[in-house]
Amino acid sequence: MLSSISITYGVKVMNRGIRFSPIAIDGLDTIFYCWSRVKSSVEGIEEFFKSCKPQDFWLFTNEEKAYTIFISRYIRPAGYITVSLRSRELFRWGVFELRAKLPRIDDGPMLWFGFELDDLFGGGVIHFMWHCSKGSLAAFTGGFSSRVEMDLTKYLPSDVSNNYHFYRIIYREGLALWYIDDRLRAIAILGCGTSRDSSILYSGKPYTIGFTRDTPSAALPILLDIDGGDIEKPFEWPDLHPWDLRVSEGNPKTTLYLDLFIEDSDTTLRNYSTEDEVLSTPFPGTLEYKEILFAIDGRGYLTIESFINGQWFEYKTIEIEGKRLYIIPIQNRCLMNRVVFKPSIPTKIIEAQTLLQ
């Protein structure tokens, strides 16, 4: 079928996602194109872009030091400002996953990985950025005119440079989500218009919530960039093999199930016993369908609050009885919602979850 084939720079590419098997058979250049930025020696010209071969920079074998630990590296030679691998294929509502070690080095470059339509955020981005010198990890989304940067460093395991961890992005209509290993660590609410500038709405545990009013394109390629730092020295991203990268198209209507956490903590409200009022971490409120699932073994009052113009307002309050499951729809489209539970007697919360679609 013609719809299953795209032609890119004379190379026939099946819309099959990114995984190691096709790379092993057909080579890197059927999946990626490559360009670099280098200093110019021409007077009046500071630098120039140069087309390259991906296999000149991403070097790998099929030899394993241990199971799935392949001999491999992604390099940037001395004198290069940037080496960029970009996928030939676009991914609509994509799912990106990279297993990697994130190296630390003084005066080291930035490593960008995830979705980006074009350089300098043109057309939209949803990606990670690891700063090798600072040891910081950020999640970016937005575009040229407006974007949000969410600091994920506080969520990182202590051994990110010595051991492999998984970095995952899920992109669906209206939301982008960043995971480190199996934990959701950032959510971006995606919109457009004049309502507000891109900003951080919540930054605490267990995740950060940001907003951008420069919505990225629905279809994005991926990038693996080594950029900046001390360009007089060569740089190596060690132990990075194509087997560690998987990208595919996603579902624009993916249902999001979120446990409700106690505000700024990694403790869920589920199975939490309390005599005092307890407040939840906020969750996005902009999707079309939202509901709260809540059950307790005591008595109390559940208040749903909505976030407007930097403040929280009461949306509805419900008296909650024990041993009943409450399914409570939220019919506004505010940026965020949260719940406040005030027990009338000592109470154990049996279930506290939100469903977004």
Protein backbone atom coordinates (compact mmCIF):
# COMPACT_ATOMS: atom_id res chain seq x y z
CA MET A 1 0.00 0.00 0.00
CA LEU A 2 1.34 3.41 -0.92
CA SER A 3 0.19 4.86 2.41
CA SER A 4 2.63 2.61 4.29
CA ILE A 5 5.71 3.88 2.44
CA SER A 6 7.45 7.23 2.51
CA ILE A 7 10.33 8.34 0.28
CA THR A 8 13.03 10.37 2.04
CA TYR A 9 16.14 11.55 0.21
CA GLY A 10 15.82 8.65 -2.23
CA VAL A 11 15.56 6.00 0.50
CA LYS A 12 12.40 3.90 0.73
CA VAL A 13 11.34 3.75 4.37
CA MET A 14 8.48 1.71 5.78
CA ASN A 15 6.47 3.40 8.53
CA ARG A 16 7.62 0.86 11.09
CA GLY A 17 8.87 2.90 14.00
CA ILE A 18 12.39 2.75 15.38
CA ARG A 19 13.78 -0.48 16.78
CA PHE A 20 17.00 -2.39 16.40
CA SER A 21 15.92 -5.15 13.98
CA PRO A 22 15.53 -2.91 10.88
CA ILE A 23 18.74 -1.04 11.76
CA ALA A 24 20.64 -4.32 12.05
CA ILE A 25 19.42 -5.42 8.61
CA ASP A 26 19.26 -2.17 6.63
CA GLY A 27 21.65 0.17 8.45
CA LEU A 28 21.36 3.40 10.42
CA ASP A 29 20.96 5.64 7.38
CA THR A 30 17.63 4.05 6.46
CA ILE A 31 16.24 5.23 9.81
CA PHE A 32 18.19 8.45 10.48
CA TYR A 33 19.71 11.32 8.67
CA CYS A 34 22.59 13.22 10.25
CA TRP A 35 23.94 16.75 10.23
CA SER A 36 26.58 18.59 12.21
CA ARG A 37 27.56 22.16 13.01
CA VAL A 38 31.24 23.04 12.74
CA LYS A 39 33.32 26.17 13.13
CA SER A 40 34.12 28.00 9.91
CA SER A 41 37.55 29.28 8.89
CA VAL A 42 36.00 31.62 6.30
CA GLU A 43 36.06 35.29 7.23
CA GLY A 44 32.58 36.60 8.00
CA ILE A 45 31.15 33.08 8.38
CA GLU A 46 31.01 31.86 11.97
CA GLU A 47 29.92 28.25 11.35
CA PHE A 48 28.19 26.04 8.85
CA PHE A 49 25.92 23.03 8.74
CA LYS A 50 27.32 19.87 7.26
CA SER A 51 25.46 16.73 6.16
CA CYS A 52 26.97 13.53 7.54
CA LYS A 53 26.51 9.79 7.76
CA PRO A 54 24.94 8.54 11.01
CA GLN A 55 27.27 5.54 11.13
CA ASP A 56 30.29 7.86 11.35
CA PHE A 57 29.17 8.99 14.82
CA TRP A 58 26.99 6.24 16.29
CA LEU A 59 29.39 3.32 16.52
CA PHE A 60 28.15 -0.08 17.64
CA THR A 61 28.68 -3.81 17.31
CA ASN A 62 26.63 -6.91 18.04
CA GLU A 63 29.10 -7.94 20.76
CA GLU A 64 27.75 -7.94 24.32
CA LYS A 65 29.73 -7.36 27.49
CA ALA A 66 26.72 -8.92 29.22
CA TYR A 67 23.18 -9.70 28.13
CA THR A 68 21.86 -6.65 26.18
CA ILE A 69 24.92 -4.60 27.22
CA PHE A 70 26.37 -4.01 23.76
CA ILE A 71 29.73 -2.48 22.89
CA SER A 72 28.70 0.91 21.54
CA ARG A 73 29.17 4.67 21.75
CA TYR A 74 27.85 7.88 20.21
CA ILE A 75 30.67 10.35 19.59
CA ARG A 76 31.24 13.99 18.75
CA PRO A 77 34.78 14.65 17.48
CA ALA A 78 36.81 17.66 18.57
CA GLY A 79 35.98 20.77 16.56
CA TYR A 80 32.31 19.89 16.15
CA ILE A 81 29.72 22.09 17.86
CA THR A 82 26.78 19.73 17.33
CA VAL A 83 26.20 16.24 16.02
CA SER A 84 22.52 15.56 15.40
CA LEU A 85 20.73 12.35 14.47
CA ARG A 86 17.15 12.93 13.24
CA SER A 87 14.68 10.21 12.31
CA ARG A 88 13.41 10.14 8.75
CA GLU A 89 10.02 9.07 10.01
CA LEU A 90 7.47 11.29 11.77
CA PHE A 91 5.51 9.85 14.70
CA ARG A 92 1.95 10.95 15.29
CA TRP A 93 1.16 11.09 19.01
CA GLY A 94 4.41 9.24 19.54
CA VAL A 95 5.81 7.00 22.24
CA PHE A 96 9.57 7.41 22.80
CA GLU A 97 11.76 5.26 25.02
CA LEU A 98 15.52 5.34 25.53
CA ARG A 99 17.56 3.18 27.89
CA ALA A 100 20.73 5.09 28.65
CA LYS A 101 23.46 6.13 31.01
CA LEU A 102 23.76 9.92 31.31
CA PRO A 103 27.46 10.83 31.49
CA ARG A 104 28.91 13.54 33.74
CA ILE A 105 31.91 15.53 32.50
CA ASP A 106 33.27 19.01 33.23
CA ASP A 107 32.49 21.45 30.39
CA GLY A 108 30.46 18.67 28.81
CA PRO A 109 27.73 19.16 26.20
CA MET A 110 23.96 18.97 26.38
CA LEU A 111 22.30 15.74 25.26
CA TRP A 112 18.87 16.25 23.71
CA PHE A 113 16.63 13.23 23.14
CA GLY A 114 12.95 12.89 22.35
CA PHE A 115 10.71 14.57 19.75
CA GLU A 116 11.63 17.72 17.80
CA LEU A 117 10.29 18.85 14.43
CA ASP A 118 13.23 21.07 13.52
CA ASP A 119 16.21 22.77 15.14
CA LEU A 120 15.84 25.50 17.78
CA PHE A 121 12.34 24.32 18.75
CA GLY A 122 10.88 25.19 15.32
CA GLY A 123 7.58 23.41 14.79
CA GLY A 124 7.52 22.06 18.32
CA VAL A 125 9.45 19.88 20.75
CA ILE A 126 8.70 17.32 23.45
CA HIS A 127 12.04 16.09 24.72
CA PHE A 128 14.58 15.62 27.49
CA MET A 129 17.82 17.58 27.91
CA TRP A 130 20.68 16.25 30.02
CA HIS A 131 23.42 18.78 30.83
CA CYS A 132 26.59 16.71 31.23
CA SER A 133 28.48 19.46 33.05
CA LYS A 134 25.72 20.46 35.51
CA GLY A 135 24.28 17.00 36.01
CA SER A 136 20.77 18.33 35.41
CA LEU A 137 17.84 16.85 33.50
CA ALA A 138 14.99 18.91 32.07
CA ALA A 139 11.81 18.29 30.09
CA PHE A 140 11.04 20.80 27.33
CA THR A 141 7.89 21.35 25.31
CA GLY A 142 6.48 24.12 23.16
CA GLY A 143 7.96 25.89 20.15
CA PHE A 144 9.65 29.02 18.86
CA SER A 145 7.28 31.53 20.43
CA SER A 146 6.55 29.94 23.80
CA ARG A 147 7.84 26.91 25.64
CA VAL A 148 8.12 25.51 29.14
CA GLU A 149 11.15 23.92 30.78
CA MET A 150 10.55 21.58 33.70
CA ASP A 151 13.47 20.63 35.96
CA LEU A 152 13.51 16.86 36.59
CA THR A 153 16.86 16.68 38.37
CA LYS A 154 15.34 16.10 41.81
CA TYR A 155 13.61 12.97 40.52
CA LEU A 156 16.77 11.32 39.22
CA PRO A 157 18.24 8.15 40.74
CA SER A 158 21.71 8.68 42.19
CA ASP A 159 23.40 6.31 39.73
CA VAL A 160 22.24 7.78 36.38
CA SER A 161 25.80 8.00 35.05
CA ASN A 162 26.87 4.49 36.06
CA ASN A 163 23.76 2.42 35.38
CA TYR A 164 21.06 2.24 32.77
CA HIS A 165 17.69 3.89 33.35
CA PHE A 166 14.64 4.29 31.12
CA TYR A 167 13.55 7.70 29.80
CA ARG A 168 10.11 7.63 28.25
CA ILE A 169 7.79 10.20 26.64
CA ILE A 170 4.11 9.67 25.84
CA TYR A 171 2.43 12.27 23.62
CA ARG A 172 -1.34 12.36 23.26
CA GLU A 173 -3.89 15.05 22.40
CA GLY A 174 -3.57 17.86 24.90
CA LEU A 175 -0.88 16.31 27.10
CA ALA A 176 2.73 15.16 27.08
CA LEU A 177 4.13 12.94 29.84
CA TRP A 178 7.72 12.22 30.84
CA TYR A 179 8.72 9.10 32.78
CA ILE A 180 11.97 8.14 34.50
CA ASP A 181 11.98 4.37 34.86
CA ASP A 182 8.43 3.47 35.89
CA ARG A 183 7.56 6.82 37.51
CA LEU A 184 5.67 9.70 35.93
CA ARG A 185 7.78 12.79 36.63
CA ALA A 186 6.40 15.57 34.40
CA ILE A 187 3.14 16.47 32.68
CA ALA A 188 2.74 19.27 30.14
CA ILE A 189 -0.68 20.70 29.35
CA LEU A 190 -0.63 21.71 25.69
CA GLY A 191 -2.75 24.55 24.35
CA CYS A 192 -2.72 27.67 22.24
CA GLY A 193 -4.28 31.11 22.31
CA THR A 194 -3.77 34.11 24.57
CA SER A 195 -4.89 32.79 27.95
CA ARG A 196 -1.46 32.81 29.62
CA ASP A 197 2.23 32.48 28.92
CA SER A 198 3.98 29.12 29.18
CA SER A 199 4.76 28.44 32.82
CA ILE A 200 5.25 25.93 35.62
CA LEU A 201 1.93 25.32 37.35
CA TYR A 202 3.12 22.86 40.01
CA SER A 203 6.59 21.68 40.97
CA GLY A 204 6.79 19.14 43.75
CA LYS A 205 6.41 15.45 44.36
CA PRO A 206 5.70 13.13 42.64
CA TYR A 207 5.73 15.15 39.38
CA THR A 208 5.87 18.62 37.85
CA ILE A 209 3.05 20.13 35.79
CA GLY A 210 3.74 22.76 33.13
CA PHE A 211 1.72 24.57 30.49
CA THR A 212 2.63 25.80 27.02
CA ARG A 213 0.54 27.87 24.64
CA ASP A 214 2.67 26.92 21.61
CA THR A 215 1.34 23.42 20.91
CA PRO A 216 3.81 21.18 19.05
CA SER A 217 2.89 19.53 15.79
CA ALA A 218 0.94 16.28 16.18
CA ALA A 219 3.53 14.49 14.00
CA LEU A 220 7.16 14.76 15.10
CA PRO A 221 10.47 13.04 14.30
CA ILE A 222 12.95 12.20 17.03
CA LEU A 223 16.41 13.54 17.72
CA LEU A 224 19.54 12.36 19.50
CA ASP A 225 21.77 15.43 19.76
CA ILE A 226 25.18 16.11 21.28
CA ASP A 227 25.39 19.88 21.51
CA GLY A 228 27.72 22.56 22.94
CA GLY A 229 30.20 22.34 25.78
CA ASP A 230 33.94 22.44 25.17
CA ILE A 231 34.15 21.79 21.44
CA GLU A 232 37.95 21.59 21.48
CA LYS A 233 37.68 18.19 23.16
CA PRO A 234 36.07 15.04 21.76
CA PHE A 235 33.03 13.73 23.59
CA GLU A 236 31.62 10.22 23.91
CA TRP A 237 28.17 9.10 25.03
CA PRO A 238 29.15 5.60 26.18
CA ASP A 239 27.17 2.37 26.02
CA LEU A 240 24.42 3.79 23.81
CA HIS A 241 23.26 1.18 21.31
CA PRO A 242 20.34 1.22 18.82
CA TRP A 243 18.87 -1.69 20.78
CA ASP A 244 18.27 0.83 23.60
CA LEU A 245 15.97 3.03 21.48
CA ARG A 246 12.32 2.34 20.67
CA VAL A 247 9.87 4.76 19.10
CA SER A 248 6.40 4.21 17.67
CA GLU A 249 3.12 5.96 17.01
CA GLY A 250 0.76 6.35 19.95
CA ASN A 251 -2.92 6.79 20.72
CA PRO A 252 -4.25 10.37 20.75
CA LYS A 253 -6.97 9.30 23.20
CA THR A 254 -4.82 7.29 25.61
CA THR A 255 -6.61 7.08 28.95
CA LEU A 256 -4.62 8.42 31.86
CA TYR A 257 -5.06 6.79 35.27
CA LEU A 258 -3.47 8.81 38.07
CA ASP A 259 -3.27 7.86 41.71
CA LEU A 260 -4.00 10.82 43.93
CA PHE A 261 -0.94 11.57 46.06
CA ILE A 262 -0.70 13.57 49.26
CA GLU A 263 0.47 17.03 48.24
CA ASP A 264 4.22 17.22 47.57
CA SER A 265 4.89 13.62 48.54
CA ASP A 266 5.38 10.18 47.06
CA THR A 267 2.62 8.79 49.31
CA THR A 268 -0.69 7.90 47.70
CA LEU A 269 -4.01 8.68 49.34
CA ARG A 270 -4.95 5.05 48.76
CA ASN A 271 -4.56 3.08 52.02
CA TYR A 272 -3.81 6.30 53.92
CA SER A 273 -5.35 6.65 57.38
CA THR A 274 -6.01 10.12 58.76
CA GLU A 275 -7.84 12.11 61.42
CA ASP A 276 -6.96 15.43 59.78
CA GLU A 277 -7.70 17.22 56.54
CA VAL A 278 -5.51 16.00 53.67
CA LEU A 279 -4.79 17.70 50.34
CA SER A 280 -3.88 15.96 47.08
CA THR A 281 -1.28 16.77 44.47
CA PRO A 282 -2.95 18.57 41.52
CA PHE A 283 -3.71 16.85 38.22
CA PRO A 284 -4.49 18.21 34.72
CA GLY A 285 -8.04 19.44 34.17
CA THR A 286 -8.11 20.28 30.47
CA LEU A 287 -9.09 16.95 28.91
CA GLU A 288 -12.69 16.44 27.87
CA TYR A 289 -13.56 13.67 30.33
CA LYS A 290 -12.44 13.57 33.97
CA GLU A 291 -13.67 11.62 36.96
CA ILE A 292 -12.62 10.91 40.54
CA LEU A 293 -12.89 7.42 42.06
CA PHE A 294 -13.02 7.64 45.83
CA ALA A 295 -13.85 5.22 48.65
CA ILE A 296 -13.27 5.26 52.43
CA ASP A 297 -14.12 3.20 55.50
CA GLY A 298 -15.23 6.12 57.69
CA ARG A 299 -17.04 9.41 57.03
CA GLY A 300 -16.07 12.82 55.77
CA TYR A 301 -16.31 15.52 53.12
CA LEU A 302 -14.56 15.50 49.76
CA THR A 303 -14.01 18.87 48.07
CA ILE A 304 -12.82 19.20 44.49
CA GLU A 305 -10.94 22.45 43.87
CA SER A 306 -10.07 24.01 40.50
CA PHE A 307 -7.14 26.25 39.61
CA ILE A 308 -8.00 29.67 38.11
CA ASN A 309 -5.68 32.69 37.71
CA GLY A 310 -3.13 31.37 40.18
CA GLN A 311 -5.67 30.53 42.87
CA TRP A 312 -7.67 27.49 44.00
CA PHE A 313 -11.48 27.70 44.11
CA GLU A 314 -14.05 25.23 45.41
CA TYR A 315 -15.79 23.42 42.56
CA LYS A 316 -17.98 20.98 44.52
CA THR A 317 -18.17 19.34 47.94
CA ILE A 318 -19.67 15.91 48.57
CA GLU A 319 -20.43 14.13 51.82
CA ILE A 320 -18.68 10.74 51.68
CA GLU A 321 -19.90 7.64 53.52
CA GLY A 322 -17.92 4.49 54.21
CA LYS A 323 -17.99 1.30 52.12
CA ARG A 324 -19.37 3.06 49.02
CA LEU A 325 -17.57 3.75 45.75
CA TYR A 326 -18.01 7.32 44.56
CA ILE A 327 -17.49 8.09 40.86
CA ILE A 328 -17.51 11.88 40.58
CA PRO A 329 -17.34 13.59 37.16
CA ILE A 330 -15.58 16.95 36.79
CA GLN A 331 -17.28 19.00 34.11
CA ASN A 332 -15.07 22.09 33.95
CA ARG A 333 -11.97 22.49 31.75
CA CYS A 334 -9.75 24.38 34.22
CA LEU A 335 -6.00 23.92 33.96
CA MET A 336 -5.76 21.80 37.11
CA ASN A 337 -7.89 20.20 39.79
CA ARG A 338 -7.14 18.69 43.18
CA VAL A 339 -9.10 17.15 46.06
CA VAL A 340 -9.31 17.99 49.75
CA PHE A 341 -10.61 15.31 52.12
CA LYS A 342 -11.77 16.27 55.61
CA PRO A 343 -12.67 13.24 57.78
CA SER A 344 -15.46 13.42 60.34
CA ILE A 345 -13.99 10.49 62.26
CA PRO A 346 -10.63 8.64 61.95
CA THR A 347 -10.80 7.26 58.43
CA LYS A 348 -8.84 5.05 56.06
CA ILE A 349 -8.97 6.02 52.39
CA ILE A 350 -9.52 2.81 50.42
CA GLU A 351 -9.28 4.27 46.90
CA ALA A 352 -8.35 7.69 45.49
CA GLN A 353 -7.77 7.90 41.76
CA THR A 354 -8.54 10.12 38.82
CA LEU A 355 -9.30 9.01 35.26
CA LEU A 356 -8.62 11.43 32.38
CA GLN A 357 -9.54 10.93 28.73
